[in-house]
Amino acid sequence: MELTQLLQFKTIAECKTMTAAAEKLHISQPALSTGLKKLEEELGIQLFERRKNNISLNKAGEMAFTYTCAILGQVEEMKNAFRQYSKENNKMNLGFCDPGPMRFATPLLQQDNPQLAISSEVVSDDSILLNDLLSRRYDAVISLEKLEHQDVISIPFAKEQLMLSVPIGDELANKTSINLHLYPNREFAVYRMYCAYEQKMKDFMDWLVSLPHITVYTDYFVFRQMLEHKNLLSFTTRLVQLYRNDGERVIIPLEDEGITATYWFSYVKDNQKRMQPFISWIEKNSLMLLGTESQSYK
């Protein structure tokens, strides 16, 4: 007895004609009749009263219909259970301390792992990332500090560095690197998100916002309009420049102290097998992420 036979039997009983059942199942009427005949032979009894224009269940057919509905219902329940299991098993939740690495990395991780459903969010308080990881709220977290715990593995994820965004034609556009402390009187515009990376650069940011010709933006839309219509010096980062287009500008690394940082990718040790696709991606893209040749974290 096959599930296909039971489905065909159920459909015939519901449609009450072989023609309608065949159309609903998208098979030929002779094939449907053959399937029903095999089922009746296997059960050793006829299941329908056959009339000129329709067929209906007899007593044996009603009993068979009850069993069939129960069996097909359990089959569907089993399918749903395994769909849910697969969905949960293939879902990855990532917590990021900053929006920059999240906006950069999440689309690339998803593209490299289409079999996974990857969700990510920024955790406003960097100090709770370890607890969120250990409580399994996240499968992995990306932080600016290496998470020190006996049950946690942390590997370097990406290097971050503040960079200057210079309009084409500006006198600084041909430089390969710049120390901003040598240009305190230039006019700057900075978009601030007060994120973990900015906190890491606190001394530098305090100096920067104290300059006489700096405008601070907290509205990204207004900041973008400024970039398009004014020839001001502005800022981006090593990671942000990989996904945000600032238009026709030259991006120049800064030499100032206190503007670099390393993000760490951390996960619980017993979750290493599930994390392997991400670990492999980090290894494969080590040059882009860390500025170094490929390295292994096995």
C-alpha atoms as a PDB file:
ATOM      1  CA  MET A   1       0.000   0.000   0.000  1.00  0.00           C
ATOM      2  CA  GLU A   2       1.378   3.376  -1.013  1.00  0.00           C
ATOM      3  CA  LEU A   3       0.562   6.882   0.202  1.00  0.00           C
ATOM      4  CA  THR A   4      -0.221   7.837  -3.384  1.00  0.00           C
ATOM      5  CA  GLN A   5      -2.980   5.218  -3.460  1.00  0.00           C
ATOM      6  CA  LEU A   6      -4.476   6.570  -0.245  1.00  0.00           C
ATOM      7  CA  LEU A   7      -4.375  10.142  -1.543  1.00  0.00           C
ATOM      8  CA  GLN A   8      -6.083   9.064  -4.754  1.00  0.00           C
ATOM      9  CA  PHE A   9      -8.719   7.138  -2.802  1.00  0.00           C
ATOM     10  CA  LYS A  10      -9.415  10.151  -0.567  1.00  0.00           C
ATOM     11  CA  THR A  11      -9.695  12.445  -3.578  1.00  0.00           C
ATOM     12  CA  ILE A  12     -12.148  10.120  -5.349  1.00  0.00           C
ATOM     13  CA  ALA A  13     -14.294   9.927  -2.221  1.00  0.00           C
ATOM     14  CA  GLU A  14     -14.364  13.724  -1.918  1.00  0.00           C
ATOM     15  CA  CYS A  15     -14.959  14.454  -5.618  1.00  0.00           C
ATOM     16  CA  LYS A  16     -17.531  11.636  -6.056  1.00  0.00           C
ATOM     17  CA  THR A  17     -16.595  11.127  -9.722  1.00  0.00           C
ATOM     18  CA  MET A  18     -13.511   9.630 -11.303  1.00  0.00           C
ATOM     19  CA  THR A  19     -13.364  12.427 -13.866  1.00  0.00           C
ATOM     20  CA  ALA A  20     -13.290  15.218 -11.277  1.00  0.00           C
ATOM     21  CA  ALA A  21     -10.769  13.344  -9.126  1.00  0.00           C
ATOM     22  CA  ALA A  22      -8.470  12.740 -12.107  1.00  0.00           C
ATOM     23  CA  GLU A  23      -8.589  16.434 -13.017  1.00  0.00           C
ATOM     24  CA  LYS A  24      -7.806  17.487  -9.452  1.00  0.00           C
ATOM     25  CA  LEU A  25      -4.866  15.089  -9.239  1.00  0.00           C
ATOM     26  CA  HIS A  26      -3.639  15.939 -12.752  1.00  0.00           C
ATOM     27  CA  ILE A  27      -3.502  12.293 -13.848  1.00  0.00           C
ATOM     28  CA  SER A  28      -5.421  10.310 -16.443  1.00  0.00           C
ATOM     29  CA  GLN A  29      -8.690   8.636 -15.500  1.00  0.00           C
ATOM     30  CA  PRO A  30      -7.418   5.144 -16.525  1.00  0.00           C
ATOM     31  CA  ALA A  31      -4.371   5.590 -14.259  1.00  0.00           C
ATOM     32  CA  LEU A  32      -6.643   6.617 -11.408  1.00  0.00           C
ATOM     33  CA  SER A  33      -8.905   3.626 -11.950  1.00  0.00           C
ATOM     34  CA  THR A  34      -5.896   1.311 -11.963  1.00  0.00           C
ATOM     35  CA  GLY A  35      -4.660   2.763  -8.679  1.00  0.00           C
ATOM     36  CA  LEU A  36      -8.046   2.320  -7.025  1.00  0.00           C
ATOM     37  CA  LYS A  37      -8.319  -1.251  -8.285  1.00  0.00           C
ATOM     38  CA  LYS A  38      -4.914  -2.115  -6.784  1.00  0.00           C
ATOM     39  CA  LEU A  39      -5.934  -0.647  -3.433  1.00  0.00           C
ATOM     40  CA  GLU A  40      -9.192  -2.613  -3.375  1.00  0.00           C
ATOM     41  CA  GLU A  41      -7.336  -5.802  -4.317  1.00  0.00           C
ATOM     42  CA  GLU A  42      -4.827  -5.239  -1.528  1.00  0.00           C
ATOM     43  CA  LEU A  43      -7.586  -4.683   1.019  1.00  0.00           C
ATOM     44  CA  GLY A  44      -9.615  -7.545  -0.420  1.00  0.00           C
ATOM     45  CA  ILE A  45     -12.854  -5.570  -0.658  1.00  0.00           C
ATOM     46  CA  GLN A  46     -14.629  -3.018  -2.812  1.00  0.00           C
ATOM     47  CA  LEU A  47     -14.727   0.506  -1.380  1.00  0.00           C
ATOM     48  CA  PHE A  48     -17.319   2.239  -3.597  1.00  0.00           C
ATOM     49  CA  GLU A  49     -20.831   1.830  -4.866  1.00  0.00           C
ATOM     50  CA  ARG A  50     -20.553   2.585  -8.558  1.00  0.00           C
ATOM     51  CA  ARG A  51     -23.392   4.336 -10.359  1.00  0.00           C
ATOM     52  CA  LYS A  52     -23.766   5.772 -13.834  1.00  0.00           C
ATOM     53  CA  ASN A  53     -22.820   9.362 -13.026  1.00  0.00           C
ATOM     54  CA  ASN A  54     -21.002   9.072  -9.705  1.00  0.00           C
ATOM     55  CA  ILE A  55     -19.565   6.753  -7.127  1.00  0.00           C
ATOM     56  CA  SER A  56     -19.981   6.824  -3.357  1.00  0.00           C
ATOM     57  CA  LEU A  57     -18.370   5.105  -0.427  1.00  0.00           C
ATOM     58  CA  ASN A  58     -19.900   1.884   0.840  1.00  0.00           C
ATOM     59  CA  LYS A  59     -19.563   0.791   4.472  1.00  0.00           C
ATOM     60  CA  ALA A  60     -16.087  -0.621   3.921  1.00  0.00           C
ATOM     61  CA  GLY A  61     -15.160   2.541   2.038  1.00  0.00           C
ATOM     62  CA  GLU A  62     -16.283   4.742   4.931  1.00  0.00           C
ATOM     63  CA  MET A  63     -14.069   2.742   7.277  1.00  0.00           C
ATOM     64  CA  ALA A  64     -11.169   2.998   4.844  1.00  0.00           C
ATOM     65  CA  PHE A  65     -11.789   6.742   4.470  1.00  0.00           C
ATOM     66  CA  THR A  66     -11.504   7.245   8.249  1.00  0.00           C
ATOM     67  CA  TYR A  67      -8.200   5.368   8.380  1.00  0.00           C
ATOM     68  CA  THR A  68      -6.924   7.148   5.274  1.00  0.00           C
ATOM     69  CA  CYS A  69      -7.637  10.614   6.693  1.00  0.00           C
ATOM     70  CA  ALA A  70      -5.858   9.664   9.910  1.00  0.00           C
ATOM     71  CA  ILE A  71      -2.827   8.262   8.061  1.00  0.00           C
ATOM     72  CA  LEU A  72      -2.495  11.216   5.676  1.00  0.00           C
ATOM     73  CA  GLY A  73      -3.008  13.604   8.579  1.00  0.00           C
ATOM     74  CA  GLN A  74      -0.142  11.983  10.479  1.00  0.00           C
ATOM     75  CA  VAL A  75       2.033  12.113   7.379  1.00  0.00           C
ATOM     76  CA  GLU A  76       1.395  15.851   7.027  1.00  0.00           C
ATOM     77  CA  GLU A  77       2.028  16.332  10.741  1.00  0.00           C
ATOM     78  CA  MET A  78       5.329  14.501  10.360  1.00  0.00           C
ATOM     79  CA  LYS A  79       6.307  16.673   7.394  1.00  0.00           C
ATOM     80  CA  ASN A  80       5.485  19.853   9.317  1.00  0.00           C
ATOM     81  CA  ALA A  81       7.467  18.658  12.318  1.00  0.00           C
ATOM     82  CA  PHE A  82      10.540  18.029  10.194  1.00  0.00           C
ATOM     83  CA  ARG A  83      10.097  21.304   8.314  1.00  0.00           C
ATOM     84  CA  GLN A  84      10.103  23.101  11.653  1.00  0.00           C
ATOM     85  CA  TYR A  85      13.082  21.088  12.851  1.00  0.00           C
ATOM     86  CA  SER A  86      14.982  21.885   9.679  1.00  0.00           C
ATOM     87  CA  LYS A  87      14.064  25.551   9.929  1.00  0.00           C
ATOM     88  CA  GLU A  88      15.238  25.797  13.524  1.00  0.00           C
ATOM     89  CA  ASN A  89      18.377  23.771  12.851  1.00  0.00           C
ATOM     90  CA  ASN A  90      19.309  25.935   9.870  1.00  0.00           C
ATOM     91  CA  LYS A  91      18.579  29.258  11.536  1.00  0.00           C
ATOM     92  CA  MET A  92      21.527  31.319  12.728  1.00  0.00           C
ATOM     93  CA  ASN A  93      21.136  34.269  15.081  1.00  0.00           C
ATOM     94  CA  LEU A  94      24.040  36.713  15.179  1.00  0.00           C
ATOM     95  CA  GLY A  95      24.557  39.555  17.642  1.00  0.00           C
ATOM     96  CA  PHE A  96      26.733  42.514  16.615  1.00  0.00           C
ATOM     97  CA  CYS A  97      28.121  45.231  18.841  1.00  0.00           C
ATOM     98  CA  ASP A  98      28.072  47.692  15.912  1.00  0.00           C
ATOM     99  CA  PRO A  99      25.958  48.272  12.786  1.00  0.00           C
ATOM    100  CA  GLY A 100      29.018  48.645  10.525  1.00  0.00           C
ATOM    101  CA  PRO A 101      30.240  45.037  10.574  1.00  0.00           C
ATOM    102  CA  MET A 102      26.630  43.793  10.643  1.00  0.00           C
ATOM    103  CA  ARG A 103      25.632  45.649   7.465  1.00  0.00           C
ATOM    104  CA  PHE A 104      28.843  44.587   5.797  1.00  0.00           C
ATOM    105  CA  ALA A 105      29.031  40.930   6.819  1.00  0.00           C
ATOM    106  CA  THR A 106      25.430  39.667   7.077  1.00  0.00           C
ATOM    107  CA  PRO A 107      24.589  39.891   3.326  1.00  0.00           C
ATOM    108  CA  LEU A 108      27.893  38.236   2.425  1.00  0.00           C
ATOM    109  CA  LEU A 109      27.415  35.432   4.948  1.00  0.00           C
ATOM    110  CA  GLN A 110      23.885  34.856   3.661  1.00  0.00           C
ATOM    111  CA  GLN A 111      25.066  34.834   0.056  1.00  0.00           C
ATOM    112  CA  ASP A 112      27.793  32.312   0.904  1.00  0.00           C
ATOM    113  CA  ASN A 113      25.371  30.125   2.906  1.00  0.00           C
ATOM    114  CA  PRO A 114      22.004  30.109   1.091  1.00  0.00           C
ATOM    115  CA  GLN A 115      20.974  26.982   3.018  1.00  0.00           C
ATOM    116  CA  LEU A 116      20.903  28.999   6.253  1.00  0.00           C
ATOM    117  CA  ALA A 117      18.370  31.536   7.502  1.00  0.00           C
ATOM    118  CA  ILE A 118      20.621  34.190   9.016  1.00  0.00           C
ATOM    119  CA  SER A 119      19.221  36.877  11.277  1.00  0.00           C
ATOM    120  CA  SER A 120      21.292  39.602  12.893  1.00  0.00           C
ATOM    121  CA  GLU A 121      20.820  42.544  15.197  1.00  0.00           C
ATOM    122  CA  VAL A 122      22.837  45.183  16.984  1.00  0.00           C
ATOM    123  CA  VAL A 123      23.177  44.783  20.742  1.00  0.00           C
ATOM    124  CA  SER A 124      23.331  48.241  22.246  1.00  0.00           C
ATOM    125  CA  ASP A 125      25.184  47.104  25.357  1.00  0.00           C
ATOM    126  CA  ASP A 126      28.442  45.408  24.390  1.00  0.00           C
ATOM    127  CA  SER A 127      28.896  44.125  27.945  1.00  0.00           C
ATOM    128  CA  ILE A 128      25.963  41.703  27.716  1.00  0.00           C
ATOM    129  CA  LEU A 129      27.153  39.916  24.582  1.00  0.00           C
ATOM    130  CA  LEU A 130      28.850  37.156  26.563  1.00  0.00           C
ATOM    131  CA  ASN A 131      25.709  36.411  28.575  1.00  0.00           C
ATOM    132  CA  ASP A 132      23.603  36.479  25.397  1.00  0.00           C
ATOM    133  CA  LEU A 133      25.989  33.979  23.817  1.00  0.00           C
ATOM    134  CA  LEU A 134      26.087  31.622  26.804  1.00  0.00           C
ATOM    135  CA  SER A 135      22.283  31.742  27.139  1.00  0.00           C
ATOM    136  CA  ARG A 136      22.048  30.745  23.420  1.00  0.00           C
ATOM    137  CA  ARG A 137      20.161  33.882  22.485  1.00  0.00           C
ATOM    138  CA  TYR A 138      22.770  34.150  19.719  1.00  0.00           C
ATOM    139  CA  ASP A 139      24.667  31.398  17.955  1.00  0.00           C
ATOM    140  CA  ALA A 140      27.616  33.764  17.597  1.00  0.00           C
ATOM    141  CA  VAL A 141      28.440  37.342  18.529  1.00  0.00           C
ATOM    142  CA  ILE A 142      30.779  39.939  17.053  1.00  0.00           C
ATOM    143  CA  SER A 143      32.359  42.205  19.644  1.00  0.00           C
ATOM    144  CA  LEU A 144      35.221  44.686  19.982  1.00  0.00           C
ATOM    145  CA  GLU A 145      36.678  42.787  22.920  1.00  0.00           C
ATOM    146  CA  LYS A 146      37.802  39.182  22.929  1.00  0.00           C
ATOM    147  CA  LEU A 147      35.351  37.244  25.066  1.00  0.00           C
ATOM    148  CA  GLU A 148      37.260  35.429  27.760  1.00  0.00           C
ATOM    149  CA  HIS A 149      35.388  32.347  28.984  1.00  0.00           C
ATOM    150  CA  GLN A 150      36.291  28.676  29.288  1.00  0.00           C
ATOM    151  CA  ASP A 151      33.308  27.626  27.166  1.00  0.00           C
ATOM    152  CA  VAL A 152      33.798  30.228  24.438  1.00  0.00           C
ATOM    153  CA  ILE A 153      36.058  30.382  21.386  1.00  0.00           C
ATOM    154  CA  SER A 154      36.930  33.833  20.020  1.00  0.00           C
ATOM    155  CA  ILE A 155      38.708  34.370  16.708  1.00  0.00           C
ATOM    156  CA  PRO A 156      39.688  37.623  14.958  1.00  0.00           C
ATOM    157  CA  PHE A 157      36.880  38.660  12.630  1.00  0.00           C
ATOM    158  CA  ALA A 158      37.742  41.987  11.020  1.00  0.00           C
ATOM    159  CA  LYS A 159      40.015  44.987  11.355  1.00  0.00           C
ATOM    160  CA  GLU A 160      38.395  48.405  11.555  1.00  0.00           C
ATOM    161  CA  GLN A 161      39.996  51.782  10.900  1.00  0.00           C
ATOM    162  CA  LEU A 162      38.689  55.309  10.554  1.00  0.00           C
ATOM    163  CA  MET A 163      39.326  56.771   7.090  1.00  0.00           C
ATOM    164  CA  LEU A 164      39.020  60.200   5.552  1.00  0.00           C
ATOM    165  CA  SER A 165      36.539  60.803   2.735  1.00  0.00           C
ATOM    166  CA  VAL A 166      37.932  63.536   0.501  1.00  0.00           C
ATOM    167  CA  PRO A 167      36.229  65.232  -2.487  1.00  0.00           C
ATOM    168  CA  ILE A 168      37.967  64.696  -5.812  1.00  0.00           C
ATOM    169  CA  GLY A 169      40.106  67.766  -6.521  1.00  0.00           C
ATOM    170  CA  ASP A 170      40.806  68.536  -2.882  1.00  0.00           C
ATOM    171  CA  GLU A 171      44.449  69.258  -2.086  1.00  0.00           C
ATOM    172  CA  LEU A 172      44.535  66.135   0.099  1.00  0.00           C
ATOM    173  CA  ALA A 173      43.115  63.777  -2.537  1.00  0.00           C
ATOM    174  CA  ASN A 174      46.516  62.638  -3.802  1.00  0.00           C
ATOM    175  CA  LYS A 175      47.830  61.580  -0.403  1.00  0.00           C
ATOM    176  CA  THR A 176      48.202  57.928   0.509  1.00  0.00           C
ATOM    177  CA  SER A 177      47.634  58.544   4.237  1.00  0.00           C
ATOM    178  CA  ILE A 178      46.863  61.530   6.453  1.00  0.00           C
ATOM    179  CA  ASN A 179      47.372  62.638  10.046  1.00  0.00           C
ATOM    180  CA  LEU A 180      44.380  64.830  10.843  1.00  0.00           C
ATOM    181  CA  HIS A 181      46.182  66.501  13.716  1.00  0.00           C
ATOM    182  CA  LEU A 182      48.154  68.377  11.062  1.00  0.00           C
ATOM    183  CA  TYR A 183      44.944  69.897   9.614  1.00  0.00           C
ATOM    184  CA  PRO A 184      42.963  71.229  12.599  1.00  0.00           C
ATOM    185  CA  ASN A 185      41.556  74.176  10.673  1.00  0.00           C
ATOM    186  CA  ARG A 186      39.961  72.248   7.818  1.00  0.00           C
ATOM    187  CA  GLU A 187      36.171  72.013   7.660  1.00  0.00           C
ATOM    188  CA  PHE A 188      34.904  68.554   8.609  1.00  0.00           C
ATOM    189  CA  ALA A 189      31.537  66.815   8.695  1.00  0.00           C
ATOM    190  CA  VAL A 190      31.010  63.679  10.768  1.00  0.00           C
ATOM    191  CA  TYR A 191      28.043  61.352  11.112  1.00  0.00           C
ATOM    192  CA  ARG A 192      27.878  59.989  14.650  1.00  0.00           C
ATOM    193  CA  MET A 193      26.056  56.847  15.766  1.00  0.00           C
ATOM    194  CA  TYR A 194      27.597  56.669  19.250  1.00  0.00           C
ATOM    195  CA  CYS A 195      28.357  52.987  18.636  1.00  0.00           C
ATOM    196  CA  ALA A 196      30.882  50.685  20.301  1.00  0.00           C
ATOM    197  CA  TYR A 197      33.584  51.558  17.768  1.00  0.00           C
ATOM    198  CA  GLU A 198      33.169  55.262  18.522  1.00  0.00           C
ATOM    199  CA  GLN A 199      33.495  54.492  22.217  1.00  0.00           C
ATOM    200  CA  LYS A 200      36.719  52.674  21.391  1.00  0.00           C
ATOM    201  CA  MET A 201      37.963  55.898  19.713  1.00  0.00           C
ATOM    202  CA  LYS A 202      36.787  58.152  22.563  1.00  0.00           C
ATOM    203  CA  ASP A 203      39.990  60.186  22.917  1.00  0.00           C
ATOM    204  CA  PHE A 204      40.222  60.794  19.196  1.00  0.00           C
ATOM    205  CA  MET A 205      36.503  61.631  18.882  1.00  0.00           C
ATOM    206  CA  ASP A 206      36.683  64.064  21.813  1.00  0.00           C
ATOM    207  CA  TRP A 207      39.523  65.866  20.050  1.00  0.00           C
ATOM    208  CA  LEU A 208      37.748  65.797  16.702  1.00  0.00           C
ATOM    209  CA  VAL A 209      34.447  67.308  17.884  1.00  0.00           C
ATOM    210  CA  SER A 210      36.393  70.050  19.693  1.00  0.00           C
ATOM    211  CA  LEU A 211      37.739  71.428  16.405  1.00  0.00           C
ATOM    212  CA  PRO A 212      36.375  74.847  15.391  1.00  0.00           C
ATOM    213  CA  HIS A 213      35.127  73.884  11.928  1.00  0.00           C
ATOM    214  CA  ILE A 214      33.383  70.566  12.452  1.00  0.00           C
ATOM    215  CA  THR A 215      29.683  69.822  11.951  1.00  0.00           C
ATOM    216  CA  VAL A 216      28.234  66.765  13.667  1.00  0.00           C
ATOM    217  CA  TYR A 217      25.251  64.979  12.092  1.00  0.00           C
ATOM    218  CA  THR A 218      23.057  62.405  13.793  1.00  0.00           C
ATOM    219  CA  ASP A 219      20.544  62.238  10.916  1.00  0.00           C
ATOM    220  CA  TYR A 220      22.012  59.987   8.230  1.00  0.00           C
ATOM    221  CA  PHE A 221      19.713  61.343   5.481  1.00  0.00           C
ATOM    222  CA  VAL A 222      20.878  64.924   6.116  1.00  0.00           C
ATOM    223  CA  PHE A 223      24.475  63.724   6.252  1.00  0.00           C
ATOM    224  CA  ARG A 224      24.119  62.020   2.859  1.00  0.00           C
ATOM    225  CA  GLN A 225      22.682  65.192   1.314  1.00  0.00           C
ATOM    226  CA  MET A 226      25.651  67.117   2.657  1.00  0.00           C
ATOM    227  CA  LEU A 227      28.067  64.664   1.032  1.00  0.00           C
ATOM    228  CA  GLU A 228      26.359  65.123  -2.317  1.00  0.00           C
ATOM    229  CA  HIS A 229      26.229  68.923  -2.300  1.00  0.00           C
ATOM    230  CA  LYS A 230      29.221  70.173  -0.304  1.00  0.00           C
ATOM    231  CA  ASN A 231      32.942  69.694  -0.719  1.00  0.00           C
ATOM    232  CA  LEU A 232      33.596  68.950   2.944  1.00  0.00           C
ATOM    233  CA  LEU A 233      36.023  66.483   4.405  1.00  0.00           C
ATOM    234  CA  SER A 234      34.152  63.599   5.952  1.00  0.00           C
ATOM    235  CA  PHE A 235      34.721  60.138   7.341  1.00  0.00           C
ATOM    236  CA  THR A 236      34.075  56.502   6.638  1.00  0.00           C
ATOM    237  CA  THR A 237      35.692  53.313   7.913  1.00  0.00           C
ATOM    238  CA  ARG A 238      37.549  50.389   6.434  1.00  0.00           C
ATOM    239  CA  LEU A 239      34.416  48.191   6.606  1.00  0.00           C
ATOM    240  CA  VAL A 240      31.775  50.815   5.875  1.00  0.00           C
ATOM    241  CA  GLN A 241      33.439  51.805   2.604  1.00  0.00           C
ATOM    242  CA  LEU A 242      32.905  48.234   1.385  1.00  0.00           C
ATOM    243  CA  TYR A 243      29.114  48.621   1.387  1.00  0.00           C
ATOM    244  CA  ARG A 244      28.417  52.389   1.471  1.00  0.00           C
ATOM    245  CA  ASN A 245      29.017  54.458  -1.631  1.00  0.00           C
ATOM    246  CA  ASP A 246      30.014  58.030  -0.731  1.00  0.00           C
ATOM    247  CA  GLY A 247      30.005  59.118  -4.368  1.00  0.00           C
ATOM    248  CA  GLU A 248      32.961  60.568  -6.228  1.00  0.00           C
ATOM    249  CA  ARG A 249      35.336  60.801  -3.304  1.00  0.00           C
ATOM    250  CA  VAL A 250      38.782  59.533  -2.459  1.00  0.00           C
ATOM    251  CA  ILE A 251      39.075  57.348   0.643  1.00  0.00           C
ATOM    252  CA  ILE A 252      42.362  57.813   2.508  1.00  0.00           C
ATOM    253  CA  PRO A 253      43.613  55.902   5.588  1.00  0.00           C
ATOM    254  CA  LEU A 254      44.316  57.995   8.685  1.00  0.00           C
ATOM    255  CA  GLU A 255      47.568  57.855  10.653  1.00  0.00           C
ATOM    256  CA  ASP A 256      46.171  59.248  13.917  1.00  0.00           C
ATOM    257  CA  GLU A 257      46.417  57.121  17.041  1.00  0.00           C
ATOM    258  CA  GLY A 258      43.429  55.437  18.647  1.00  0.00           C
ATOM    259  CA  ILE A 259      41.388  54.920  15.459  1.00  0.00           C
ATOM    260  CA  THR A 260      41.884  51.200  14.808  1.00  0.00           C
ATOM    261  CA  ALA A 261      40.178  48.208  16.369  1.00  0.00           C
ATOM    262  CA  THR A 262      39.659  44.482  15.893  1.00  0.00           C
ATOM    263  CA  TYR A 263      36.261  42.797  15.922  1.00  0.00           C
ATOM    264  CA  TRP A 264      36.081  39.273  17.384  1.00  0.00           C
ATOM    265  CA  PHE A 265      33.817  36.425  16.306  1.00  0.00           C
ATOM    266  CA  SER A 266      32.821  34.319  19.307  1.00  0.00           C
ATOM    267  CA  TYR A 267      30.798  31.144  19.756  1.00  0.00           C
ATOM    268  CA  VAL A 268      30.262  28.432  22.357  1.00  0.00           C
ATOM    269  CA  LYS A 269      32.668  25.510  21.966  1.00  0.00           C
ATOM    270  CA  ASP A 270      30.003  22.831  21.664  1.00  0.00           C
ATOM    271  CA  ASN A 271      28.461  24.805  18.796  1.00  0.00           C
ATOM    272  CA  GLN A 272      31.584  24.649  16.641  1.00  0.00           C
ATOM    273  CA  LYS A 273      30.156  22.207  14.099  1.00  0.00           C
ATOM    274  CA  ARG A 274      27.240  24.542  13.325  1.00  0.00           C
ATOM    275  CA  MET A 275      29.615  27.503  13.152  1.00  0.00           C
ATOM    276  CA  GLN A 276      31.915  25.843  10.619  1.00  0.00           C
ATOM    277  CA  PRO A 277      30.338  27.534   7.567  1.00  0.00           C
ATOM    278  CA  PHE A 278      31.000  30.943   9.157  1.00  0.00           C
ATOM    279  CA  ILE A 279      34.507  29.976  10.289  1.00  0.00           C
ATOM    280  CA  SER A 280      35.288  28.800   6.757  1.00  0.00           C
ATOM    281  CA  TRP A 281      33.979  32.092   5.348  1.00  0.00           C
ATOM    282  CA  ILE A 282      36.190  34.086   7.719  1.00  0.00           C
ATOM    283  CA  GLU A 283      39.222  31.975   6.748  1.00  0.00           C
ATOM    284  CA  LYS A 284      38.456  32.333   3.041  1.00  0.00           C
ATOM    285  CA  ASN A 285      38.030  36.115   3.264  1.00  0.00           C
ATOM    286  CA  SER A 286      40.858  36.797   5.696  1.00  0.00           C
ATOM    287  CA  LEU A 287      42.539  39.282   3.358  1.00  0.00           C
ATOM    288  CA  MET A 288      39.392  41.384   3.000  1.00  0.00           C
ATOM    289  CA  LEU A 289      38.451  41.152   6.678  1.00  0.00           C
ATOM    290  CA  LEU A 290      41.797  41.393   8.413  1.00  0.00           C
ATOM    291  CA  GLY A 291      44.205  42.522   5.734  1.00  0.00           C
ATOM    292  CA  THR A 292      46.194  39.295   6.066  1.00  0.00           C
ATOM    293  CA  GLU A 293      46.587  36.131   4.042  1.00  0.00           C
ATOM    294  CA  SER A 294      44.188  33.237   4.663  1.00  0.00           C
ATOM    295  CA  GLN A 295      44.577  31.575   8.041  1.00  0.00           C
ATOM    296  CA  SER A 296      43.035  28.538   9.667  1.00  0.00           C
ATOM    297  CA  TYR A 297      41.133  28.527  12.975  1.00  0.00           C
ATOM    298  CA  LYS A 298      40.627  24.789  13.261  1.00  0.00           C
END
